[in-house]
Structures are given as structure tokens and as C-alpha cells.
Amino acid sequence: MSAAPGSTELLLATPEDTAAFGERVGRLLRAGDLVLLAGDLGAGKTTFTRGLADGLGVRGPVTSPTFVIAREHPSLVGGPVLVHVDAYRLGSLAEVDDLDLDTAAEEAVTVVEWGRGLVEELAGDRLEVDLVRPHGAAPTGGGDDPEGDAPVEPRRAVVRAVGPRWAGVDLS
């Protein structure tokens, strides 16, 4: 996959690069911003979000919200709350609506993994980040390797900025 017009593509050689990219994005975010994350299991969505949380200066630890669906991380620096959502297990728009994400959308930064097609109406402006790992590559952190020593193949991030909020913002 190559970046479409209006998109930015980056090579992320390591999980640390993925987190560092998330941190750079996190420093650009403000209350009301929406970030949609897409990518295969193990592509680095939560690693990206950890970095984003560091850039925002919110309380951690940031872990995957797969089984709790959503987690809130309050700011440690007077900034917005981070609402981290995993929509993977949600089966309908009604289930997304039950989360009341729109209630806090103006005061929080909302990051939604697996949210494409479900939450775009939360904000007219948004960032869409696709994290792509090579077919057959190990998930971030080494996959089945309990020590995490398996080599991790580089990922690609394809970032699409939607709306005037992001016009002219350098996301590379």
C-alpha cells in the first residue's frame, strides 16, 4: 500500500519508532481531536497510543482496552483527558453509541482502535492512522516469543488528515 494523495507515509523500523511517532502526534493534539487507528492485530496500534499518551502528558499505563472497551487517562499537565477505545468487539453502531463518546468528545482527545466506519461522526476533523506490518511479520513485541526477542519487522504508517483542523500540519 502506498500513501494516497493527501496522506503521509512513514517507515517505522522498531516499536520504539512507532511510540516516538505517536508521541510526536500526541504533542499536536488538543481537546476535541479524534484519531482513528487501523491495522492488523499486533501492528502497533497500542504502541502508537502509548507514545501518543506520552506526548499528551496523561497518566498511564496505557494498555489495550480490548476487554474493557474504553479507558480514560487524565492529564498530568492540565491538558485534555485521553479516551482510548478499542471497537474491535463492538458489533453495531448502537453499541458504539452506548459508550457515550460524544459526551466527552469536545473536552478529550479520543483515540479509537478499529473505529473506521463507526465513529467518524464524533468529529468533522480527524486523523486516520493505518499501521501496516508486512504479511507474516511478527506482531509488535515479538509475537509468541515470551521474551520478546523475536525480530520485529518494520511497519508503515499511513496517515490521512481529514478536515481543516489539520491543513498545513506536518505529520511526518
N, C-alpha and C. Protein backbone atom coordinates (compact mmCIF):
# COMPACT_ATOMS: atom_id res chain seq x y z
N MET A 1 0.85 -1.17 0.00
CA MET A 1 0.00 0.00 0.00
C MET A 1 0.89 1.23 0.00
N SER A 2 0.61 2.15 -0.88
CA SER A 2 1.32 3.42 -0.84
C SER A 2 0.33 4.49 -0.42
N ALA A 3 0.87 5.58 0.06
CA ALA A 3 0.02 6.64 0.57
C ALA A 3 -0.78 7.26 -0.56
N ALA A 4 -2.05 7.46 -0.32
CA ALA A 4 -2.93 8.11 -1.28
C ALA A 4 -2.66 9.61 -1.26
N PRO A 5 -3.08 10.32 -2.30
CA PRO A 5 -2.93 11.77 -2.26
C PRO A 5 -3.56 12.33 -0.99
N GLY A 6 -2.85 13.27 -0.35
CA GLY A 6 -3.35 13.84 0.90
C GLY A 6 -2.95 13.04 2.12
N SER A 7 -2.20 11.97 1.92
CA SER A 7 -1.75 11.14 3.03
C SER A 7 -0.24 11.25 3.17
N THR A 8 0.23 10.90 4.35
CA THR A 8 1.66 10.87 4.64
C THR A 8 2.01 9.44 5.00
N GLU A 9 3.12 8.94 4.47
CA GLU A 9 3.57 7.59 4.79
C GLU A 9 4.93 7.64 5.46
N LEU A 10 5.07 6.87 6.53
CA LEU A 10 6.34 6.81 7.26
C LEU A 10 6.72 5.36 7.48
N LEU A 11 8.03 5.09 7.49
CA LEU A 11 8.54 3.77 7.85
C LEU A 11 8.89 3.80 9.33
N LEU A 12 8.37 2.83 10.06
CA LEU A 12 8.62 2.71 11.50
C LEU A 12 9.38 1.41 11.72
N ALA A 13 10.69 1.50 11.86
CA ALA A 13 11.54 0.32 11.87
C ALA A 13 11.41 -0.51 13.14
N THR A 14 11.06 0.12 14.26
CA THR A 14 11.01 -0.58 15.54
C THR A 14 9.77 -0.15 16.32
N PRO A 15 9.40 -0.92 17.34
CA PRO A 15 8.31 -0.46 18.21
C PRO A 15 8.62 0.91 18.85
N GLU A 16 9.89 1.15 19.14
CA GLU A 16 10.27 2.45 19.70
C GLU A 16 9.99 3.58 18.70
N ASP A 17 10.21 3.31 17.41
CA ASP A 17 9.89 4.31 16.38
C ASP A 17 8.39 4.56 16.32
N THR A 18 7.61 3.49 16.49
CA THR A 18 6.14 3.63 16.48
C THR A 18 5.70 4.48 17.66
N ALA A 19 6.25 4.22 18.84
CA ALA A 19 5.91 5.02 20.02
C ALA A 19 6.37 6.46 19.85
N ALA A 20 7.55 6.67 19.28
CA ALA A 20 8.06 8.03 19.08
C ALA A 20 7.18 8.80 18.10
N PHE A 21 6.70 8.13 17.06
CA PHE A 21 5.78 8.78 16.13
C PHE A 21 4.48 9.15 16.86
N GLY A 22 3.97 8.23 17.67
CA GLY A 22 2.78 8.53 18.46
C GLY A 22 3.00 9.72 19.37
N GLU A 23 4.18 9.82 19.98
CA GLU A 23 4.48 10.94 20.86
C GLU A 23 4.47 12.26 20.09
N ARG A 24 5.05 12.26 18.87
CA ARG A 24 5.03 13.48 18.05
C ARG A 24 3.60 13.90 17.74
N VAL A 25 2.76 12.92 17.38
CA VAL A 25 1.35 13.22 17.11
C VAL A 25 0.67 13.72 18.38
N GLY A 26 0.93 13.08 19.51
CA GLY A 26 0.32 13.48 20.77
C GLY A 26 0.60 14.93 21.13
N ARG A 27 1.77 15.42 20.78
CA ARG A 27 2.12 16.82 21.08
C ARG A 27 1.32 17.80 20.22
N LEU A 28 0.76 17.32 19.11
CA LEU A 28 -0.04 18.17 18.22
C LEU A 28 -1.52 18.20 18.60
N LEU A 29 -1.94 17.26 19.43
CA LEU A 29 -3.37 17.09 19.71
C LEU A 29 -3.87 18.06 20.75
N ARG A 30 -5.18 18.34 20.66
CA ARG A 30 -5.85 19.20 21.63
C ARG A 30 -7.26 18.66 21.86
N ALA A 31 -7.90 19.18 22.87
CA ALA A 31 -9.26 18.74 23.20
C ALA A 31 -10.15 18.79 21.96
N GLY A 32 -10.95 17.75 21.79
CA GLY A 32 -11.84 17.65 20.65
C GLY A 32 -11.28 16.86 19.49
N ASP A 33 -10.00 16.52 19.52
CA ASP A 33 -9.40 15.78 18.41
C ASP A 33 -9.77 14.31 18.47
N LEU A 34 -9.92 13.73 17.28
CA LEU A 34 -10.25 12.32 17.11
C LEU A 34 -9.16 11.67 16.26
N VAL A 35 -8.68 10.52 16.72
CA VAL A 35 -7.68 9.74 15.99
C VAL A 35 -8.24 8.34 15.82
N LEU A 36 -8.35 7.89 14.56
CA LEU A 36 -8.79 6.53 14.25
C LEU A 36 -7.58 5.70 13.88
N LEU A 37 -7.44 4.53 14.51
CA LEU A 37 -6.32 3.64 14.24
C LEU A 37 -6.82 2.37 13.57
N ALA A 38 -6.12 1.96 12.53
CA ALA A 38 -6.44 0.72 11.85
C ALA A 38 -5.15 -0.06 11.65
N GLY A 39 -5.30 -1.37 11.52
CA GLY A 39 -4.15 -2.24 11.29
C GLY A 39 -4.42 -3.61 11.84
N ASP A 40 -3.69 -4.57 11.32
CA ASP A 40 -3.85 -5.95 11.78
C ASP A 40 -3.55 -6.05 13.27
N LEU A 41 -3.99 -7.15 13.87
CA LEU A 41 -3.60 -7.45 15.24
C LEU A 41 -2.08 -7.44 15.32
N GLY A 42 -1.55 -6.78 16.33
CA GLY A 42 -0.10 -6.74 16.52
C GLY A 42 0.63 -5.76 15.63
N ALA A 43 -0.09 -4.90 14.92
CA ALA A 43 0.57 -3.95 14.02
C ALA A 43 1.19 -2.77 14.77
N GLY A 44 0.77 -2.53 16.02
CA GLY A 44 1.36 -1.46 16.80
C GLY A 44 0.40 -0.35 17.20
N LYS A 45 -0.90 -0.60 17.13
CA LYS A 45 -1.88 0.43 17.48
C LYS A 45 -1.75 0.87 18.94
N THR A 46 -1.62 -0.07 19.85
CA THR A 46 -1.48 0.29 21.26
C THR A 46 -0.10 0.89 21.52
N THR A 47 0.93 0.42 20.86
CA THR A 47 2.27 1.02 20.99
C THR A 47 2.23 2.48 20.54
N PHE A 48 1.57 2.75 19.42
CA PHE A 48 1.39 4.12 18.95
C PHE A 48 0.66 4.95 20.00
N THR A 49 -0.40 4.38 20.59
CA THR A 49 -1.21 5.10 21.57
C THR A 49 -0.41 5.38 22.83
N ARG A 50 0.47 4.47 23.24
CA ARG A 50 1.34 4.73 24.40
C ARG A 50 2.20 5.97 24.15
N GLY A 51 2.77 6.05 22.97
CA GLY A 51 3.57 7.22 22.63
C GLY A 51 2.72 8.48 22.58
N LEU A 52 1.53 8.37 22.00
CA LEU A 52 0.61 9.50 21.93
C LEU A 52 0.29 9.99 23.34
N ALA A 53 0.05 9.05 24.26
CA ALA A 53 -0.24 9.40 25.65
C ALA A 53 0.94 10.14 26.29
N ASP A 54 2.15 9.70 25.99
CA ASP A 54 3.34 10.40 26.50
C ASP A 54 3.38 11.83 25.96
N GLY A 55 3.07 12.00 24.68
CA GLY A 55 3.06 13.33 24.08
C GLY A 55 2.00 14.23 24.68
N LEU A 56 0.87 13.65 25.07
CA LEU A 56 -0.21 14.42 25.70
C LEU A 56 0.07 14.70 27.18
N GLY A 57 0.89 13.87 27.80
CA GLY A 57 1.17 14.02 29.23
C GLY A 57 0.05 13.52 30.11
N VAL A 58 -0.47 12.33 29.77
CA VAL A 58 -1.55 11.76 30.58
C VAL A 58 -1.03 10.63 31.46
N ARG A 59 -1.84 10.30 32.47
CA ARG A 59 -1.47 9.23 33.40
C ARG A 59 -1.60 7.88 32.71
N GLY A 60 -0.66 7.02 32.96
CA GLY A 60 -0.65 5.68 32.41
C GLY A 60 -0.82 4.67 33.50
N PRO A 61 -0.56 3.44 33.24
CA PRO A 61 -0.04 2.94 31.98
C PRO A 61 -1.15 2.81 30.93
N VAL A 62 -0.76 2.95 29.68
CA VAL A 62 -1.69 2.76 28.57
C VAL A 62 -1.56 1.32 28.12
N THR A 63 -2.65 0.59 28.23
CA THR A 63 -2.71 -0.79 27.78
C THR A 63 -3.89 -0.92 26.83
N SER A 64 -3.91 -2.02 26.11
CA SER A 64 -5.00 -2.23 25.17
C SER A 64 -6.33 -2.32 25.92
N PRO A 65 -7.33 -1.57 25.47
CA PRO A 65 -8.64 -1.64 26.12
C PRO A 65 -9.54 -2.71 25.51
N THR A 66 -8.96 -3.75 24.91
CA THR A 66 -9.73 -4.76 24.20
C THR A 66 -10.88 -5.32 25.02
N PHE A 67 -10.64 -5.66 26.27
CA PHE A 67 -11.68 -6.33 27.05
C PHE A 67 -12.54 -5.37 27.87
N VAL A 68 -12.06 -4.15 28.09
CA VAL A 68 -12.87 -3.17 28.81
C VAL A 68 -13.51 -2.16 27.85
N ILE A 69 -13.17 -2.22 26.61
CA ILE A 69 -13.66 -1.39 25.51
C ILE A 69 -13.09 0.03 25.55
N ALA A 70 -13.13 0.71 26.70
CA ALA A 70 -12.63 2.09 26.75
C ALA A 70 -11.94 2.37 28.08
N ARG A 71 -10.89 3.16 28.01
CA ARG A 71 -10.17 3.61 29.20
C ARG A 71 -9.98 5.12 29.11
N GLU A 72 -10.04 5.77 30.26
CA GLU A 72 -9.76 7.21 30.33
C GLU A 72 -8.45 7.42 31.07
N HIS A 73 -7.64 8.32 30.52
CA HIS A 73 -6.35 8.66 31.12
C HIS A 73 -6.34 10.16 31.37
N PRO A 74 -6.45 10.59 32.63
CA PRO A 74 -6.45 12.02 32.93
C PRO A 74 -5.09 12.65 32.68
N SER A 75 -5.12 13.94 32.39
CA SER A 75 -3.90 14.68 32.14
C SER A 75 -3.12 14.91 33.43
N LEU A 76 -1.82 14.86 33.30
CA LEU A 76 -0.92 15.21 34.41
C LEU A 76 -0.38 16.63 34.27
N VAL A 77 -0.74 17.28 33.14
CA VAL A 77 -0.15 18.58 32.83
C VAL A 77 -1.21 19.64 32.52
N GLY A 78 -2.46 19.40 32.91
CA GLY A 78 -3.51 20.37 32.67
C GLY A 78 -4.10 20.33 31.27
N GLY A 79 -3.80 19.30 30.52
CA GLY A 79 -4.33 19.16 29.16
C GLY A 79 -5.58 18.31 29.14
N PRO A 80 -5.98 17.88 27.95
CA PRO A 80 -7.20 17.08 27.83
C PRO A 80 -7.00 15.64 28.30
N VAL A 81 -8.10 15.03 28.68
CA VAL A 81 -8.15 13.60 29.00
C VAL A 81 -7.95 12.83 27.71
N LEU A 82 -7.30 11.68 27.79
CA LEU A 82 -7.22 10.75 26.66
C LEU A 82 -8.27 9.67 26.88
N VAL A 83 -9.16 9.51 25.91
CA VAL A 83 -10.13 8.42 25.91
C VAL A 83 -9.63 7.43 24.85
N HIS A 84 -9.25 6.24 25.30
CA HIS A 84 -8.69 5.20 24.43
C HIS A 84 -9.71 4.08 24.30
N VAL A 85 -10.19 3.87 23.09
CA VAL A 85 -11.27 2.93 22.83
C VAL A 85 -10.79 1.84 21.88
N ASP A 86 -11.22 0.62 22.13
CA ASP A 86 -10.98 -0.49 21.21
C ASP A 86 -12.36 -0.97 20.74
N ALA A 87 -12.68 -0.69 19.50
CA ALA A 87 -14.00 -1.02 18.95
C ALA A 87 -14.05 -2.41 18.31
N TYR A 88 -12.98 -3.19 18.46
CA TYR A 88 -12.89 -4.50 17.81
C TYR A 88 -14.07 -5.40 18.17
N ARG A 89 -14.49 -5.40 19.41
CA ARG A 89 -15.56 -6.29 19.86
C ARG A 89 -16.96 -5.69 19.73
N LEU A 90 -17.04 -4.47 19.25
CA LEU A 90 -18.35 -3.84 19.09
C LEU A 90 -18.98 -4.28 17.78
N GLY A 91 -20.22 -4.69 17.85
CA GLY A 91 -20.86 -5.25 16.68
C GLY A 91 -21.81 -4.32 15.95
N SER A 92 -22.07 -3.15 16.52
CA SER A 92 -23.04 -2.28 15.87
C SER A 92 -22.81 -0.83 16.27
N LEU A 93 -23.41 0.07 15.51
CA LEU A 93 -23.36 1.48 15.84
C LEU A 93 -24.05 1.75 17.17
N ALA A 94 -25.07 0.95 17.49
CA ALA A 94 -25.78 1.12 18.77
C ALA A 94 -24.84 0.86 19.94
N GLU A 95 -23.97 -0.14 19.82
CA GLU A 95 -23.01 -0.42 20.89
C GLU A 95 -22.00 0.72 21.05
N VAL A 96 -21.60 1.31 19.94
CA VAL A 96 -20.71 2.47 20.00
C VAL A 96 -21.44 3.62 20.68
N ASP A 97 -22.70 3.82 20.30
CA ASP A 97 -23.49 4.90 20.90
C ASP A 97 -23.63 4.72 22.41
N ASP A 98 -23.72 3.48 22.87
CA ASP A 98 -23.84 3.19 24.31
C ASP A 98 -22.62 3.68 25.10
N LEU A 99 -21.48 3.85 24.44
CA LEU A 99 -20.27 4.32 25.12
C LEU A 99 -20.33 5.82 25.44
N ASP A 100 -21.26 6.54 24.84
CA ASP A 100 -21.42 7.98 25.04
C ASP A 100 -20.12 8.74 24.76
N LEU A 101 -19.41 8.35 23.73
CA LEU A 101 -18.17 9.02 23.39
C LEU A 101 -18.40 10.48 23.02
N ASP A 102 -19.57 10.78 22.47
CA ASP A 102 -19.84 12.15 22.07
C ASP A 102 -19.98 13.08 23.29
N THR A 103 -20.27 12.53 24.45
CA THR A 103 -20.41 13.34 25.66
C THR A 103 -19.11 14.03 26.02
N ALA A 104 -18.00 13.34 25.88
CA ALA A 104 -16.70 13.89 26.27
C ALA A 104 -15.86 14.33 25.08
N ALA A 105 -16.39 14.19 23.86
CA ALA A 105 -15.58 14.42 22.66
C ALA A 105 -14.98 15.82 22.60
N GLU A 106 -15.67 16.83 23.07
CA GLU A 106 -15.16 18.20 23.00
C GLU A 106 -14.06 18.48 24.01
N GLU A 107 -14.06 17.76 25.13
CA GLU A 107 -13.09 18.01 26.20
C GLU A 107 -11.92 17.04 26.18
N ALA A 108 -12.00 16.00 25.38
CA ALA A 108 -11.00 14.93 25.40
C ALA A 108 -10.34 14.77 24.03
N VAL A 109 -9.22 14.08 24.03
CA VAL A 109 -8.66 13.52 22.81
C VAL A 109 -9.16 12.08 22.79
N THR A 110 -9.80 11.69 21.70
CA THR A 110 -10.35 10.35 21.60
C THR A 110 -9.58 9.56 20.55
N VAL A 111 -9.03 8.42 20.97
CA VAL A 111 -8.32 7.52 20.07
C VAL A 111 -9.12 6.23 20.01
N VAL A 112 -9.49 5.82 18.79
CA VAL A 112 -10.32 4.63 18.62
C VAL A 112 -9.61 3.64 17.71
N GLU A 113 -9.23 2.50 18.30
CA GLU A 113 -8.70 1.40 17.50
C GLU A 113 -9.89 0.67 16.87
N TRP A 114 -9.74 0.27 15.62
CA TRP A 114 -10.78 -0.46 14.90
C TRP A 114 -12.06 0.37 14.75
N GLY A 115 -11.93 1.68 14.67
CA GLY A 115 -13.11 2.55 14.68
C GLY A 115 -13.63 2.98 13.33
N ARG A 116 -12.92 2.65 12.27
CA ARG A 116 -13.34 3.11 10.95
C ARG A 116 -14.75 2.61 10.64
N GLY A 117 -15.57 3.54 10.16
CA GLY A 117 -16.95 3.20 9.82
C GLY A 117 -17.89 3.25 11.01
N LEU A 118 -17.35 3.58 12.20
CA LEU A 118 -18.17 3.58 13.42
C LEU A 118 -18.22 4.93 14.13
N VAL A 119 -17.13 5.70 14.11
CA VAL A 119 -17.06 6.87 14.97
C VAL A 119 -16.71 8.18 14.25
N GLU A 120 -16.67 8.16 12.97
CA GLU A 120 -16.27 9.37 12.24
C GLU A 120 -17.14 10.57 12.56
N GLU A 121 -18.40 10.34 12.91
CA GLU A 121 -19.31 11.45 13.19
C GLU A 121 -18.98 12.18 14.49
N LEU A 122 -18.07 11.65 15.28
CA LEU A 122 -17.68 12.34 16.53
C LEU A 122 -16.98 13.66 16.25
N ALA A 123 -16.30 13.76 15.12
CA ALA A 123 -15.57 14.99 14.80
C ALA A 123 -15.44 15.12 13.29
N GLY A 124 -15.69 16.30 12.78
CA GLY A 124 -15.52 16.55 11.35
C GLY A 124 -14.06 16.48 10.94
N ASP A 125 -13.17 16.85 11.88
CA ASP A 125 -11.74 16.78 11.64
C ASP A 125 -11.20 15.58 12.40
N ARG A 126 -10.31 14.86 11.76
CA ARG A 126 -9.74 13.68 12.42
C ARG A 126 -8.45 13.27 11.73
N LEU A 127 -7.69 12.44 12.44
CA LEU A 127 -6.54 11.77 11.85
C LEU A 127 -6.89 10.30 11.73
N GLU A 128 -6.58 9.72 10.59
CA GLU A 128 -6.74 8.28 10.38
C GLU A 128 -5.34 7.71 10.19
N VAL A 129 -4.95 6.79 11.06
CA VAL A 129 -3.62 6.21 11.02
C VAL A 129 -3.75 4.71 10.77
N ASP A 130 -3.22 4.28 9.63
CA ASP A 130 -3.17 2.85 9.31
C ASP A 130 -1.76 2.36 9.59
N LEU A 131 -1.64 1.38 10.47
CA LEU A 131 -0.34 0.77 10.77
C LEU A 131 -0.30 -0.57 10.05
N VAL A 132 0.68 -0.73 9.19
CA VAL A 132 0.75 -1.89 8.32
C VAL A 132 2.02 -2.66 8.61
N ARG A 133 1.87 -3.94 8.95
CA ARG A 133 3.05 -4.79 9.11
C ARG A 133 3.10 -5.73 7.92
N PRO A 134 4.31 -6.10 7.49
CA PRO A 134 4.42 -7.00 6.35
C PRO A 134 3.68 -8.30 6.60
N HIS A 135 3.09 -8.85 5.57
CA HIS A 135 2.36 -10.11 5.70
C HIS A 135 3.27 -11.17 6.31
N GLY A 136 2.82 -11.79 7.38
CA GLY A 136 3.58 -12.84 8.04
C GLY A 136 4.57 -12.33 9.07
N ALA A 137 4.70 -11.00 9.22
CA ALA A 137 5.64 -10.47 10.20
C ALA A 137 5.11 -10.67 11.61
N ALA A 138 6.05 -10.74 12.54
CA ALA A 138 5.67 -10.91 13.95
C ALA A 138 4.96 -9.67 14.45
N PRO A 139 3.98 -9.86 15.34
CA PRO A 139 3.34 -8.70 15.97
C PRO A 139 4.36 -7.91 16.78
N THR A 140 4.04 -6.66 17.08
CA THR A 140 4.90 -5.83 17.92
C THR A 140 5.16 -6.56 19.22
N GLY A 141 6.43 -6.57 19.64
CA GLY A 141 6.78 -7.23 20.89
C GLY A 141 7.18 -8.67 20.70
N GLY A 142 7.27 -9.14 19.45
CA GLY A 142 7.81 -10.47 19.21
C GLY A 142 6.79 -11.58 19.11
N GLY A 143 5.53 -11.30 19.10
CA GLY A 143 4.52 -12.33 18.88
C GLY A 143 4.50 -13.37 19.96
N ASP A 144 4.72 -14.64 19.58
CA ASP A 144 4.64 -15.75 20.52
C ASP A 144 5.91 -15.91 21.34
N ASP A 145 6.91 -15.11 21.10
CA ASP A 145 8.16 -15.20 21.83
C ASP A 145 7.98 -14.59 23.22
N PRO A 146 8.00 -15.41 24.29
CA PRO A 146 7.73 -14.88 25.62
C PRO A 146 8.76 -13.87 26.10
N GLU A 147 9.94 -13.91 25.56
CA GLU A 147 10.97 -12.97 25.96
C GLU A 147 10.94 -11.70 25.12
N GLY A 148 10.14 -11.69 24.06
CA GLY A 148 10.06 -10.52 23.20
C GLY A 148 11.31 -10.31 22.37
N ASP A 149 12.09 -11.38 22.14
CA ASP A 149 13.35 -11.24 21.42
C ASP A 149 13.23 -11.52 19.93
N ALA A 150 12.07 -11.96 19.47
CA ALA A 150 11.91 -12.22 18.04
C ALA A 150 12.06 -10.91 17.28
N PRO A 151 12.68 -10.96 16.11
CA PRO A 151 12.82 -9.72 15.36
C PRO A 151 11.45 -9.17 14.97
N VAL A 152 11.33 -7.87 15.02
CA VAL A 152 10.09 -7.22 14.63
C VAL A 152 10.32 -6.53 13.30
N GLU A 153 9.51 -6.88 12.32
CA GLU A 153 9.65 -6.29 11.00
C GLU A 153 9.19 -4.83 11.03
N PRO A 154 9.79 -4.00 10.19
CA PRO A 154 9.35 -2.61 10.13
C PRO A 154 7.87 -2.50 9.76
N ARG A 155 7.25 -1.49 10.31
CA ARG A 155 5.86 -1.16 9.98
C ARG A 155 5.85 0.08 9.10
N ARG A 156 4.74 0.26 8.44
CA ARG A 156 4.50 1.51 7.74
C ARG A 156 3.29 2.17 8.37
N ALA A 157 3.37 3.46 8.54
CA ALA A 157 2.22 4.22 9.00
C ALA A 157 1.75 5.09 7.84
N VAL A 158 0.48 4.97 7.52
CA VAL A 158 -0.12 5.83 6.51
C VAL A 158 -1.12 6.71 7.26
N VAL A 159 -0.87 8.01 7.22
CA VAL A 159 -1.66 8.97 7.99
C VAL A 159 -2.46 9.83 7.03
N ARG A 160 -3.75 9.88 7.27
CA ARG A 160 -4.63 10.72 6.46
C ARG A 160 -5.26 11.76 7.39
N ALA A 161 -5.04 13.02 7.08
CA ALA A 161 -5.61 14.12 7.85
C ALA A 161 -6.90 14.54 7.17
N VAL A 162 -7.99 14.58 7.94
CA VAL A 162 -9.31 14.93 7.41
C VAL A 162 -9.77 16.22 8.06
N GLY A 163 -10.14 17.19 7.25
CA GLY A 163 -10.72 18.44 7.75
C GLY A 163 -9.73 19.57 7.88
N PRO A 164 -10.27 20.79 8.00
CA PRO A 164 -9.42 21.98 8.05
C PRO A 164 -8.52 22.07 9.28
N ARG A 165 -8.86 21.42 10.37
CA ARG A 165 -8.02 21.43 11.57
C ARG A 165 -6.58 21.02 11.26
N TRP A 166 -6.44 20.10 10.31
CA TRP A 166 -5.14 19.52 10.03
C TRP A 166 -4.45 20.11 8.79
N ALA A 167 -5.09 21.09 8.15
CA ALA A 167 -4.49 21.72 6.95
C ALA A 167 -3.15 22.34 7.31
N GLY A 168 -2.12 21.96 6.59
CA GLY A 168 -0.80 22.53 6.79
C GLY A 168 -0.01 21.99 7.95
N VAL A 169 -0.57 21.01 8.70
CA VAL A 169 0.15 20.43 9.84
C VAL A 169 1.08 19.33 9.32
N ASP A 170 2.36 19.41 9.69
CA ASP A 170 3.34 18.41 9.27
C ASP A 170 3.23 17.18 10.15
N LEU A 171 2.83 16.07 9.58
CA LEU A 171 2.65 14.84 10.33
C LEU A 171 3.77 13.83 10.12
N SER A 172 4.82 14.25 9.44
CA SER A 172 5.91 13.29 9.15
C SER A 172 6.92 13.22 10.26
